[in-house]
C-alpha atoms as a PDB file:
ATOM      1  CA  MET A   1       5.076  26.722  23.792  1.00  0.00           C
ATOM      2  CA  ALA A   2       7.649  26.714  25.808  1.00  0.00           C
ATOM      3  CA  GLU A   3      11.208  27.156  24.204  1.00  0.00           C
ATOM      4  CA  GLU A   4      14.767  27.102  24.760  1.00  0.00           C
ATOM      5  CA  LYS A   5      17.993  27.536  23.015  1.00  0.00           C
ATOM      6  CA  ILE A   6      20.937  25.042  23.347  1.00  0.00           C
ATOM      7  CA  LYS A   7      24.450  24.264  21.781  1.00  0.00           C
ATOM      8  CA  CYS A   8      23.648  20.476  21.509  1.00  0.00           C
ATOM      9  CA  LEU A   9      20.769  17.849  21.802  1.00  0.00           C
ATOM     10  CA  ILE A  10      20.969  14.465  21.574  1.00  0.00           C
ATOM     11  CA  ILE A  11      18.008  12.310  20.612  1.00  0.00           C
ATOM     12  CA  GLY A  12      17.896   8.896  22.020  1.00  0.00           C
ATOM     13  CA  SER A  13      19.735   7.045  25.073  1.00  0.00           C
ATOM     14  CA  GLY A  14      21.683   3.303  24.960  1.00  0.00           C
ATOM     15  CA  PRO A  15      25.468   2.916  24.415  1.00  0.00           C
ATOM     16  CA  ALA A  16      25.336   5.837  21.781  1.00  0.00           C
ATOM     17  CA  GLY A  17      23.548   8.296  23.566  1.00  0.00           C
ATOM     18  CA  TYR A  18      25.068   8.355  26.912  1.00  0.00           C
ATOM     19  CA  THR A  19      28.123   7.971  25.323  1.00  0.00           C
ATOM     20  CA  ALA A  20      27.835  11.319  23.293  1.00  0.00           C
ATOM     21  CA  GLY A  21      26.544  12.776  26.361  1.00  0.00           C
ATOM     22  CA  ILE A  22      29.507  12.175  28.186  1.00  0.00           C
ATOM     23  CA  TYR A  23      31.636  13.441  25.773  1.00  0.00           C
ATOM     24  CA  ALA A  24      29.930  16.791  25.034  1.00  0.00           C
ATOM     25  CA  ALA A  25      29.450  17.589  28.512  1.00  0.00           C
ATOM     26  CA  ARG A  26      32.792  17.018  29.247  1.00  0.00           C
ATOM     27  CA  ALA A  27      33.809  19.413  26.467  1.00  0.00           C
ATOM     28  CA  GLY A  28      31.026  22.021  27.794  1.00  0.00           C
ATOM     29  CA  MET A  29      28.708  21.987  25.541  1.00  0.00           C
ATOM     30  CA  LYS A  30      26.050  21.717  28.205  1.00  0.00           C
ATOM     31  CA  PRO A  31      24.321  18.890  25.964  1.00  0.00           C
ATOM     32  CA  VAL A  32      20.617  17.798  26.768  1.00  0.00           C
ATOM     33  CA  LEU A  33      19.597  14.285  26.122  1.00  0.00           C
ATOM     34  CA  TYR A  34      16.308  13.058  25.616  1.00  0.00           C
ATOM     35  CA  GLN A  35      16.227   9.613  26.695  1.00  0.00           C
ATOM     36  CA  GLY A  36      12.962   8.362  24.296  1.00  0.00           C
ATOM     37  CA  ASP A  37      10.259   5.849  24.871  1.00  0.00           C
ATOM     38  CA  GLN A  38      12.665   3.163  26.016  1.00  0.00           C
ATOM     39  CA  PRO A  39      15.569   5.104  27.512  1.00  0.00           C
ATOM     40  CA  GLY A  40      18.912   2.678  27.166  1.00  0.00           C
ATOM     41  CA  GLY A  41      17.736   1.448  24.055  1.00  0.00           C
ATOM     42  CA  GLN A  42      17.635  -2.528  22.861  1.00  0.00           C
ATOM     43  CA  LEU A  43      20.289  -3.430  26.445  1.00  0.00           C
ATOM     44  CA  THR A  44      17.354  -2.956  28.438  1.00  0.00           C
ATOM     45  CA  ILE A  45      15.574  -5.885  27.512  1.00  0.00           C
ATOM     46  CA  THR A  46      19.144  -7.955  27.410  1.00  0.00           C
ATOM     47  CA  ASN A  47      20.076 -10.070  30.739  1.00  0.00           C
ATOM     48  CA  ASP A  48      23.905 -10.540  30.777  1.00  0.00           C
ATOM     49  CA  VAL A  49      26.198  -8.780  28.778  1.00  0.00           C
ATOM     50  CA  GLU A  50      29.715 -10.690  28.653  1.00  0.00           C
ATOM     51  CA  ASN A  51      31.226  -8.724  25.436  1.00  0.00           C
ATOM     52  CA  TYR A  52      31.228  -5.352  26.847  1.00  0.00           C
ATOM     53  CA  PRO A  53      35.089  -4.321  28.076  1.00  0.00           C
ATOM     54  CA  GLY A  54      35.225  -3.330  31.475  1.00  0.00           C
ATOM     55  CA  TYR A  55      32.637  -6.006  32.630  1.00  0.00           C
ATOM     56  CA  PRO A  56      35.137  -8.932  33.665  1.00  0.00           C
ATOM     57  CA  GLU A  57      32.218 -10.762  35.399  1.00  0.00           C
ATOM     58  CA  GLY A  58      29.577  -9.870  33.048  1.00  0.00           C
ATOM     59  CA  VAL A  59      26.788  -7.304  33.789  1.00  0.00           C
ATOM     60  CA  GLN A  60      23.238  -7.401  33.205  1.00  0.00           C
ATOM     61  CA  GLY A  61      21.832  -5.324  30.304  1.00  0.00           C
ATOM     62  CA  PRO A  62      19.775  -2.325  32.425  1.00  0.00           C
ATOM     63  CA  MET A  63      22.694  -1.831  34.965  1.00  0.00           C
ATOM     64  CA  MET A  64      24.939  -1.291  32.063  1.00  0.00           C
ATOM     65  CA  MET A  65      22.695   1.445  30.696  1.00  0.00           C
ATOM     66  CA  GLU A  66      22.141   2.754  34.318  1.00  0.00           C
ATOM     67  CA  ASP A  67      25.922   3.056  34.472  1.00  0.00           C
ATOM     68  CA  PHE A  68      26.499   4.797  31.413  1.00  0.00           C
ATOM     69  CA  ARG A  69      23.328   7.317  32.568  1.00  0.00           C
ATOM     70  CA  LYS A  70      25.031   8.098  35.550  1.00  0.00           C
ATOM     71  CA  GLN A  71      28.277   8.703  33.861  1.00  0.00           C
ATOM     72  CA  ALA A  72      26.758  10.985  31.350  1.00  0.00           C
ATOM     73  CA  GLU A  73      24.836  12.927  34.199  1.00  0.00           C
ATOM     74  CA  ARG A  74      28.559  12.907  36.641  1.00  0.00           C
ATOM     75  CA  PHE A  75      29.488  15.650  33.931  1.00  0.00           C
ATOM     76  CA  ASP A  76      26.459  17.224  34.093  1.00  0.00           C
ATOM     77  CA  CYS A  77      24.764  16.119  31.042  1.00  0.00           C
ATOM     78  CA  ASP A  78      21.000  17.104  30.952  1.00  0.00           C
ATOM     79  CA  VAL A  79      19.431  13.840  30.928  1.00  0.00           C
ATOM     80  CA  ARG A  80      15.591  14.200  30.191  1.00  0.00           C
ATOM     81  CA  THR A  81      12.569  11.887  29.919  1.00  0.00           C
ATOM     82  CA  GLY A  82      11.049  12.406  27.001  1.00  0.00           C
ATOM     83  CA  TYR A  83      10.023  11.534  22.663  1.00  0.00           C
ATOM     84  CA  VAL A  84      11.048  14.053  20.065  1.00  0.00           C
ATOM     85  CA  THR A  85       7.279  14.092  17.962  1.00  0.00           C
ATOM     86  CA  HIS A  86       8.821  16.601  15.220  1.00  0.00           C
ATOM     87  CA  VAL A  87      12.003  17.641  13.967  1.00  0.00           C
ATOM     88  CA  GLU A  88      12.641  20.951  11.610  1.00  0.00           C
ATOM     89  CA  PHE A  89      16.526  20.821  10.708  1.00  0.00           C
ATOM     90  CA  ASN A  90      17.521  24.600   9.709  1.00  0.00           C
ATOM     91  CA  PRO A  91      21.640  24.915  10.027  1.00  0.00           C
ATOM     92  CA  GLY A  92      22.865  27.046  13.329  1.00  0.00           C
ATOM     93  CA  ALA A  93      19.203  26.633  14.348  1.00  0.00           C
ATOM     94  CA  HIS A  94      17.677  23.183  14.549  1.00  0.00           C
ATOM     95  CA  LYS A  95      14.079  23.184  15.855  1.00  0.00           C
ATOM     96  CA  VAL A  96      12.926  20.034  17.748  1.00  0.00           C
ATOM     97  CA  THR A  97       9.836  19.439  19.437  1.00  0.00           C
ATOM     98  CA  VAL A  98       9.437  17.452  22.333  1.00  0.00           C
ATOM     99  CA  ASP A  99       6.124  15.487  23.487  1.00  0.00           C
ATOM    100  CA  GLU A 100       4.073  17.592  21.289  1.00  0.00           C
ATOM    101  CA  LYS A 101       4.878  21.053  23.825  1.00  0.00           C
ATOM    102  CA  HIS A 102       8.280  22.551  24.022  1.00  0.00           C
ATOM    103  CA  ILE A 103      10.565  23.421  21.522  1.00  0.00           C
ATOM    104  CA  VAL A 104      14.427  22.993  21.528  1.00  0.00           C
ATOM    105  CA  ILE A 105      16.435  25.223  19.570  1.00  0.00           C
ATOM    106  CA  ALA A 106      19.716  23.427  19.129  1.00  0.00           C
ATOM    107  CA  GLU A 107      22.895  24.498  17.297  1.00  0.00           C
ATOM    108  CA  THR A 108      23.785  20.552  16.587  1.00  0.00           C
ATOM    109  CA  VAL A 109      21.941  17.740  17.003  1.00  0.00           C
ATOM    110  CA  ILE A 110      23.196  13.876  17.596  1.00  0.00           C
ATOM    111  CA  ILE A 111      20.846  11.222  16.589  1.00  0.00           C
ATOM    112  CA  SER A 112      21.378   8.195  18.417  1.00  0.00           C
ATOM    113  CA  THR A 113      17.540   6.834  18.255  1.00  0.00           C
ATOM    114  CA  GLY A 114      18.823   3.320  17.682  1.00  0.00           C
ATOM    115  CA  ALA A 115      17.104   0.147  15.842  1.00  0.00           C
ATOM    116  CA  SER A 116      14.769  -2.566  17.212  1.00  0.00           C
ATOM    117  CA  ALA A 117      14.454  -5.929  16.084  1.00  0.00           C
ATOM    118  CA  LYS A 118      11.804  -7.465  13.881  1.00  0.00           C
ATOM    119  CA  TRP A 119      10.127 -10.256  15.862  1.00  0.00           C
ATOM    120  CA  LEU A 120       7.563 -12.691  14.581  1.00  0.00           C
ATOM    121  CA  GLY A 121       4.507 -11.634  17.232  1.00  0.00           C
ATOM    122  CA  LEU A 122       3.948 -14.777  19.034  1.00  0.00           C
ATOM    123  CA  GLU A 123       3.204 -14.599  23.012  1.00  0.00           C
ATOM    124  CA  SER A 124       5.483 -17.132  23.867  1.00  0.00           C
ATOM    125  CA  GLU A 125       8.263 -15.064  21.710  1.00  0.00           C
ATOM    126  CA  GLU A 126       7.558 -11.889  24.204  1.00  0.00           C
ATOM    127  CA  ARG A 127       7.040 -13.801  26.980  1.00  0.00           C
ATOM    128  CA  LEU A 128      10.378 -15.763  26.685  1.00  0.00           C
ATOM    129  CA  ASN A 129      12.431 -12.469  25.593  1.00  0.00           C
ATOM    130  CA  GLY A 130      15.885 -13.114  27.459  1.00  0.00           C
ATOM    131  CA  LYS A 131      14.701 -15.853  28.533  1.00  0.00           C
ATOM    132  CA  GLY A 132      16.444 -17.826  25.888  1.00  0.00           C
ATOM    133  CA  VAL A 133      14.636 -15.849  22.789  1.00  0.00           C
ATOM    134  CA  SER A 134      17.379 -13.431  21.044  1.00  0.00           C
ATOM    135  CA  ALA A 135      17.603 -11.136  18.040  1.00  0.00           C
ATOM    136  CA  CYS A 136      21.530 -10.981  18.469  1.00  0.00           C
ATOM    137  CA  ALA A 137      23.775 -14.279  18.177  1.00  0.00           C
ATOM    138  CA  VAL A 138      26.797 -12.382  18.424  1.00  0.00           C
ATOM    139  CA  CYS A 139      25.856 -11.078  22.192  1.00  0.00           C
ATOM    140  CA  ASP A 140      23.840 -14.598  23.164  1.00  0.00           C
ATOM    141  CA  GLY A 141      25.476 -17.088  21.311  1.00  0.00           C
ATOM    142  CA  PHE A 142      27.979 -17.955  23.926  1.00  0.00           C
ATOM    143  CA  PHE A 143      25.369 -18.730  26.928  1.00  0.00           C
ATOM    144  CA  TYR A 144      24.444 -22.093  24.468  1.00  0.00           C
ATOM    145  CA  ARG A 145      27.449 -23.709  23.849  1.00  0.00           C
ATOM    146  CA  GLY A 146      27.077 -27.411  23.252  1.00  0.00           C
ATOM    147  CA  GLN A 147      23.295 -27.141  22.913  1.00  0.00           C
ATOM    148  CA  ASP A 148      20.733 -27.538  20.309  1.00  0.00           C
ATOM    149  CA  VAL A 149      19.564 -23.785  18.810  1.00  0.00           C
ATOM    150  CA  VAL A 150      16.736 -22.881  16.260  1.00  0.00           C
ATOM    151  CA  VAL A 151      17.372 -19.931  13.972  1.00  0.00           C
ATOM    152  CA  VAL A 152      15.004 -18.123  12.243  1.00  0.00           C
ATOM    153  CA  GLY A 153      15.396 -16.207   8.723  1.00  0.00           C
ATOM    154  CA  GLY A 154      16.083 -16.653   5.019  1.00  0.00           C
ATOM    155  CA  GLY A 155      18.488 -13.662   4.428  1.00  0.00           C
ATOM    156  CA  ASP A 156      22.054 -12.729   4.833  1.00  0.00           C
ATOM    157  CA  THR A 157      21.665 -12.058   8.375  1.00  0.00           C
ATOM    158  CA  ALA A 158      19.471 -15.340   9.186  1.00  0.00           C
ATOM    159  CA  CYS A 159      22.541 -17.332   7.909  1.00  0.00           C
ATOM    160  CA  GLU A 160      25.271 -15.591   9.442  1.00  0.00           C
ATOM    161  CA  GLU A 161      23.454 -15.874  12.477  1.00  0.00           C
ATOM    162  CA  ALA A 162      23.242 -19.637  12.129  1.00  0.00           C
ATOM    163  CA  SER A 163      26.699 -19.661  11.001  1.00  0.00           C
ATOM    164  CA  TYR A 164      28.144 -18.459  13.859  1.00  0.00           C
ATOM    165  CA  LEU A 165      26.173 -20.372  16.336  1.00  0.00           C
ATOM    166  CA  ALA A 166      27.560 -23.750  14.368  1.00  0.00           C
ATOM    167  CA  LYS A 167      30.810 -23.195  15.762  1.00  0.00           C
ATOM    168  CA  LEU A 168      29.400 -22.928  19.514  1.00  0.00           C
ATOM    169  CA  CYS A 169      26.512 -25.453  19.466  1.00  0.00           C
ATOM    170  CA  LYS A 170      25.798 -28.885  19.192  1.00  0.00           C
ATOM    171  CA  LYS A 171      23.147 -28.836  16.599  1.00  0.00           C
ATOM    172  CA  VAL A 172      21.597 -25.515  14.646  1.00  0.00           C
ATOM    173  CA  TYR A 173      17.942 -25.609  12.919  1.00  0.00           C
ATOM    174  CA  LEU A 174      17.565 -22.983  10.423  1.00  0.00           C
ATOM    175  CA  LEU A 175      13.992 -22.107   9.452  1.00  0.00           C
ATOM    176  CA  VAL A 176      13.271 -20.706   6.483  1.00  0.00           C
ATOM    177  CA  ARG A 177       9.138 -20.315   5.530  1.00  0.00           C
ATOM    178  CA  ARG A 178      10.050 -20.541   1.783  1.00  0.00           C
ATOM    179  CA  ASP A 179      11.629 -23.490  -0.583  1.00  0.00           C
ATOM    180  CA  GLU A 180      14.740 -21.317  -1.333  1.00  0.00           C
ATOM    181  CA  MET A 181      17.009 -18.291   0.670  1.00  0.00           C
ATOM    182  CA  ARG A 182      16.876 -14.417  -0.011  1.00  0.00           C
ATOM    183  CA  ALA A 183      20.605 -15.206   1.328  1.00  0.00           C
ATOM    184  CA  SER A 184      23.563 -14.296  -0.892  1.00  0.00           C
ATOM    185  CA  LYS A 185      25.458 -17.049  -2.749  1.00  0.00           C
ATOM    186  CA  ILE A 186      28.281 -17.158  -0.922  1.00  0.00           C
ATOM    187  CA  MET A 187      26.072 -16.773   2.809  1.00  0.00           C
ATOM    188  CA  GLN A 188      24.246 -19.694   1.437  1.00  0.00           C
ATOM    189  CA  GLN A 189      27.536 -21.736   0.902  1.00  0.00           C
ATOM    190  CA  ARG A 190      28.656 -21.077   4.353  1.00  0.00           C
ATOM    191  CA  VAL A 191      25.213 -22.689   5.959  1.00  0.00           C
ATOM    192  CA  LYS A 192      25.497 -25.633   3.792  1.00  0.00           C
ATOM    193  CA  ASN A 193      29.394 -26.193   4.734  1.00  0.00           C
ATOM    194  CA  ALA A 194      28.250 -26.360   8.209  1.00  0.00           C
ATOM    195  CA  GLU A 195      27.624 -30.453   9.208  1.00  0.00           C
ATOM    196  CA  ASN A 196      25.276 -29.212  12.564  1.00  0.00           C
ATOM    197  CA  LEU A 197      23.266 -26.950  10.583  1.00  0.00           C
ATOM    198  CA  GLU A 198      20.147 -28.224   9.277  1.00  0.00           C
ATOM    199  CA  VAL A 199      17.826 -25.855   6.922  1.00  0.00           C
ATOM    200  CA  LEU A 200      14.257 -26.795   7.564  1.00  0.00           C
ATOM    201  CA  TRP A 201      12.577 -25.303   4.233  1.00  0.00           C
ATOM    202  CA  ASN A 202       8.969 -24.124   4.443  1.00  0.00           C
ATOM    203  CA  THR A 203       9.013 -24.150   7.787  1.00  0.00           C
ATOM    204  CA  SER A 204       6.958 -21.376  10.250  1.00  0.00           C
ATOM    205  CA  THR A 205       7.055 -21.316  13.822  1.00  0.00           C
ATOM    206  CA  LYS A 206       3.987 -22.076  15.680  1.00  0.00           C
ATOM    207  CA  GLU A 207       4.980 -21.666  18.960  1.00  0.00           C
ATOM    208  CA  ILE A 208       7.679 -21.502  21.441  1.00  0.00           C
ATOM    209  CA  LEU A 209       7.744 -24.133  24.183  1.00  0.00           C
ATOM    210  CA  GLY A 210       8.563 -23.624  28.012  1.00  0.00           C
ATOM    211  CA  LYS A 211       7.256 -21.941  30.869  1.00  0.00           C
ATOM    212  CA  GLU A 212      10.643 -19.932  32.517  1.00  0.00           C
ATOM    213  CA  GLU A 213      12.758 -20.260  29.855  1.00  0.00           C
ATOM    214  CA  VAL A 214      12.785 -22.120  25.939  1.00  0.00           C
ATOM    215  CA  GLU A 215      12.501 -25.762  25.915  1.00  0.00           C
ATOM    216  CA  GLY A 216      12.276 -26.362  22.521  1.00  0.00           C
ATOM    217  CA  VAL A 217       9.985 -24.803  19.239  1.00  0.00           C
ATOM    218  CA  ARG A 218       6.701 -26.005  17.398  1.00  0.00           C
ATOM    219  CA  VAL A 219       7.227 -25.701  13.999  1.00  0.00           C
ATOM    220  CA  VAL A 220       4.673 -26.504  11.087  1.00  0.00           C
ATOM    221  CA  ASN A 221       5.474 -27.287   7.732  1.00  0.00           C
ATOM    222  CA  ASN A 222       3.832 -24.471   5.302  1.00  0.00           C
ATOM    223  CA  VAL A 223       3.172 -26.924   2.362  1.00  0.00           C
ATOM    224  CA  THR A 224       1.594 -30.287   4.034  1.00  0.00           C
ATOM    225  CA  GLY A 225       0.600 -28.411   7.112  1.00  0.00           C
ATOM    226  CA  GLU A 226       2.418 -31.156   9.621  1.00  0.00           C
ATOM    227  CA  GLU A 227       3.475 -30.135  12.886  1.00  0.00           C
ATOM    228  CA  ARG A 228       6.655 -31.124  14.710  1.00  0.00           C
ATOM    229  CA  ASP A 229       8.603 -30.101  17.752  1.00  0.00           C
ATOM    230  CA  ILE A 230      11.882 -29.219  17.988  1.00  0.00           C
ATOM    231  CA  GLN A 231      14.257 -29.913  21.499  1.00  0.00           C
ATOM    232  CA  ALA A 232      16.500 -26.296  21.631  1.00  0.00           C
ATOM    233  CA  THR A 233      17.502 -24.037  24.663  1.00  0.00           C
ATOM    234  CA  GLY A 234      17.929 -21.157  22.332  1.00  0.00           C
ATOM    235  CA  PHE A 235      15.740 -19.415  19.582  1.00  0.00           C
ATOM    236  CA  PHE A 236      17.241 -16.644  17.465  1.00  0.00           C
ATOM    237  CA  VAL A 237      15.375 -14.448  15.804  1.00  0.00           C
ATOM    238  CA  ALA A 238      17.085 -13.441  12.461  1.00  0.00           C
ATOM    239  CA  ILE A 239      14.267 -11.621  10.129  1.00  0.00           C
ATOM    240  CA  GLY A 240      16.073  -8.133  10.209  1.00  0.00           C
ATOM    241  CA  HIS A 241      16.000  -4.527  12.142  1.00  0.00           C
ATOM    242  CA  GLN A 242      14.145  -1.315  11.924  1.00  0.00           C
ATOM    243  CA  PRO A 243      15.909   1.752  12.313  1.00  0.00           C
ATOM    244  CA  ASN A 244      14.126   4.210  14.253  1.00  0.00           C
ATOM    245  CA  THR A 245      14.708   6.786  11.603  1.00  0.00           C
ATOM    246  CA  ASP A 246      10.738   7.553  10.678  1.00  0.00           C
ATOM    247  CA  ILE A 247      10.408  10.850  11.947  1.00  0.00           C
ATOM    248  CA  PHE A 248      14.090  12.297  10.147  1.00  0.00           C
ATOM    249  CA  LYS A 249      12.200  10.836   6.770  1.00  0.00           C
ATOM    250  CA  GLY A 250      12.372  13.640   4.188  1.00  0.00           C
ATOM    251  CA  GLN A 251      15.144  15.533   5.628  1.00  0.00           C
ATOM    252  CA  LEU A 252      18.168  13.592   6.076  1.00  0.00           C
ATOM    253  CA  ASP A 253      19.658  11.417   3.641  1.00  0.00           C
ATOM    254  CA  MET A 254      19.035   7.464   4.319  1.00  0.00           C
ATOM    255  CA  ASP A 255      19.203   4.102   2.675  1.00  0.00           C
ATOM    256  CA  GLU A 256      16.476   2.054   1.625  1.00  0.00           C
ATOM    257  CA  ASN A 257      15.963   0.438   4.669  1.00  0.00           C
ATOM    258  CA  GLY A 258      15.594   3.670   6.569  1.00  0.00           C
ATOM    259  CA  TYR A 259      19.445   3.502   7.859  1.00  0.00           C
ATOM    260  CA  LEU A 260      21.040   7.147   8.239  1.00  0.00           C
ATOM    261  CA  ILE A 261      23.422   7.897   5.960  1.00  0.00           C
ATOM    262  CA  THR A 262      26.703   9.545   7.282  1.00  0.00           C
ATOM    263  CA  GLU A 263      30.083  10.490   5.701  1.00  0.00           C
ATOM    264  CA  ALA A 264      32.784   7.800   5.308  1.00  0.00           C
ATOM    265  CA  GLY A 265      34.934   8.181   8.597  1.00  0.00           C
ATOM    266  CA  SER A 266      32.731  10.637  10.551  1.00  0.00           C
ATOM    267  CA  SER A 267      29.324  10.712  11.794  1.00  0.00           C
ATOM    268  CA  ARG A 268      28.195  13.672   9.938  1.00  0.00           C
ATOM    269  CA  THR A 269      24.793  13.649   7.435  1.00  0.00           C
ATOM    270  CA  ASN A 270      23.966  15.616   4.301  1.00  0.00           C
ATOM    271  CA  LEU A 271      22.898  18.646   6.876  1.00  0.00           C
ATOM    272  CA  GLU A 272      25.059  20.863   8.665  1.00  0.00           C
ATOM    273  CA  GLY A 273      25.655  20.309  12.286  1.00  0.00           C
ATOM    274  CA  VAL A 274      23.442  17.047  12.206  1.00  0.00           C
ATOM    275  CA  PHE A 275      25.302  13.945  13.204  1.00  0.00           C
ATOM    276  CA  ALA A 276      24.443  10.144  13.789  1.00  0.00           C
ATOM    277  CA  CYS A 277      25.598   7.518  15.787  1.00  0.00           C
ATOM    278  CA  GLY A 278      25.003   3.889  16.821  1.00  0.00           C
ATOM    279  CA  ASP A 279      22.535   1.554  15.201  1.00  0.00           C
ATOM    280  CA  ALA A 280      19.972   4.159  13.631  1.00  0.00           C
ATOM    281  CA  GLN A 281      23.008   4.209  11.163  1.00  0.00           C
ATOM    282  CA  ASP A 282      25.026   1.095  11.693  1.00  0.00           C
ATOM    283  CA  HIS A 283      23.331  -2.126   9.793  1.00  0.00           C
ATOM    284  CA  ILE A 284      26.691  -4.236   9.914  1.00  0.00           C
ATOM    285  CA  TYR A 285      27.681  -4.457  13.430  1.00  0.00           C
ATOM    286  CA  ARG A 286      25.154  -3.542  15.675  1.00  0.00           C
ATOM    287  CA  GLN A 287      27.216  -3.900  19.176  1.00  0.00           C
ATOM    288  CA  ALA A 288      26.921  -2.280  22.220  1.00  0.00           C
ATOM    289  CA  VAL A 289      30.721  -1.301  21.855  1.00  0.00           C
ATOM    290  CA  THR A 290      30.687  -0.178  18.324  1.00  0.00           C
ATOM    291  CA  ALA A 291      27.679   2.073  18.740  1.00  0.00           C
ATOM    292  CA  ALA A 292      29.652   4.133  22.355  1.00  0.00           C
ATOM    293  CA  GLY A 293      32.293   4.504  20.051  1.00  0.00           C
ATOM    294  CA  SER A 294      30.308   5.844  17.351  1.00  0.00           C
ATOM    295  CA  GLY A 295      28.923   7.900  20.166  1.00  0.00           C
ATOM    296  CA  CYS A 296      32.342   9.425  21.169  1.00  0.00           C
ATOM    297  CA  MET A 297      32.652  10.093  17.227  1.00  0.00           C
ATOM    298  CA  ALA A 298      29.402  12.072  17.335  1.00  0.00           C
ATOM    299  CA  ALA A 299      30.388  14.034  20.233  1.00  0.00           C
ATOM    300  CA  LEU A 300      33.482  15.026  18.571  1.00  0.00           C
ATOM    301  CA  ASP A 301      32.231  15.678  15.377  1.00  0.00           C
ATOM    302  CA  ALA A 302      29.920  18.188  16.933  1.00  0.00           C
ATOM    303  CA  GLU A 303      32.691  19.716  19.238  1.00  0.00           C
ATOM    304  CA  ARG A 304      34.285  20.477  16.306  1.00  0.00           C
ATOM    305  CA  TYR A 305      32.158  21.557  14.460  1.00  0.00           C
ATOM    306  CA  LEU A 306      30.675  24.398  17.081  1.00  0.00           C
ATOM    307  CA  ALA A 307      34.430  25.332  17.376  1.00  0.00           C
ATOM    308  CA  ALA A 308      34.997  25.967  13.859  1.00  0.00           C
ATOM    309  CA  LYS A 309      31.626  28.191  13.646  1.00  0.00           C
ATOM    310  CA  GLU A 310      33.133  30.078  16.454  1.00  0.00           C
ATOM    311  CA  LEU A 311      36.193  30.639  14.676  1.00  0.00           C
ATOM    312  CA  VAL A 312      34.148  32.100  11.593  1.00  0.00           C
ATOM    313  CA  ASN A 313      31.786  34.595  13.916  1.00  0.00           C
ATOM    314  CA  GLU A 314      35.082  35.881  15.110  1.00  0.00           C
ATOM    315  CA  GLU A 315      36.852  36.820  12.205  1.00  0.00           C
END
């Protein structure tokens, strides 16, 4: 296999990865960034982004990620197409295999592999994704002010999304597939306190209605089998996210859901010279701006790590 040695390897793109690339390149670390199987991350399937600073008129998600990539390349970040298939972390010489044929030996590794939203698996859900179907109320709720929307889920995330939308929308329906929620009591109370938020118990989604955009949702009662159509222009899936970290299991510390654990106030993982940023380690905020900020942190942490290492070697 072909093999190369570098100072800094960035695994994954998106706001976190590209920002890490910008900072690492400007610091003279000559970073190599592999974009993975979804260059640009979740924002490449997001239409309008209106909450990222610097875009007063808003921006299309794919275009925004194109801007990030170009800025990283402007400072000579080596952005490549490729998917990491194996990692073997060893302090000072982290061995990473790309596409099962190319080996990179890196002094530092920045992980920005992100997370993927969990979906229901409906054909209509996939077809209307970005056309009324969303997995982020904070990102897209603004577009549904004064309208009727549907939220799916029974955990804290679903309650939080539904409560957020209730402040913007005319009516919010929360579909819970059982006769009880998994959410904490305080989150359930927040749902109950919202006058325009209606919980439909024992209810599942059968189909999202609409050809070009969401026009309604066909739901089914899991107890009686009765079906009904709900008029709505937005459909929010809030059944959780899955961090893209499986390849690091057994080497890096992670929580019970697979999110990488970093030291408080830093991007450092439990292994020397390995840093994590973005949604791969953030299950709370999951925003483009926070991901970009953590990408900056990771690059600065990696730069300081290399500087300290070189100082020790000189001594």
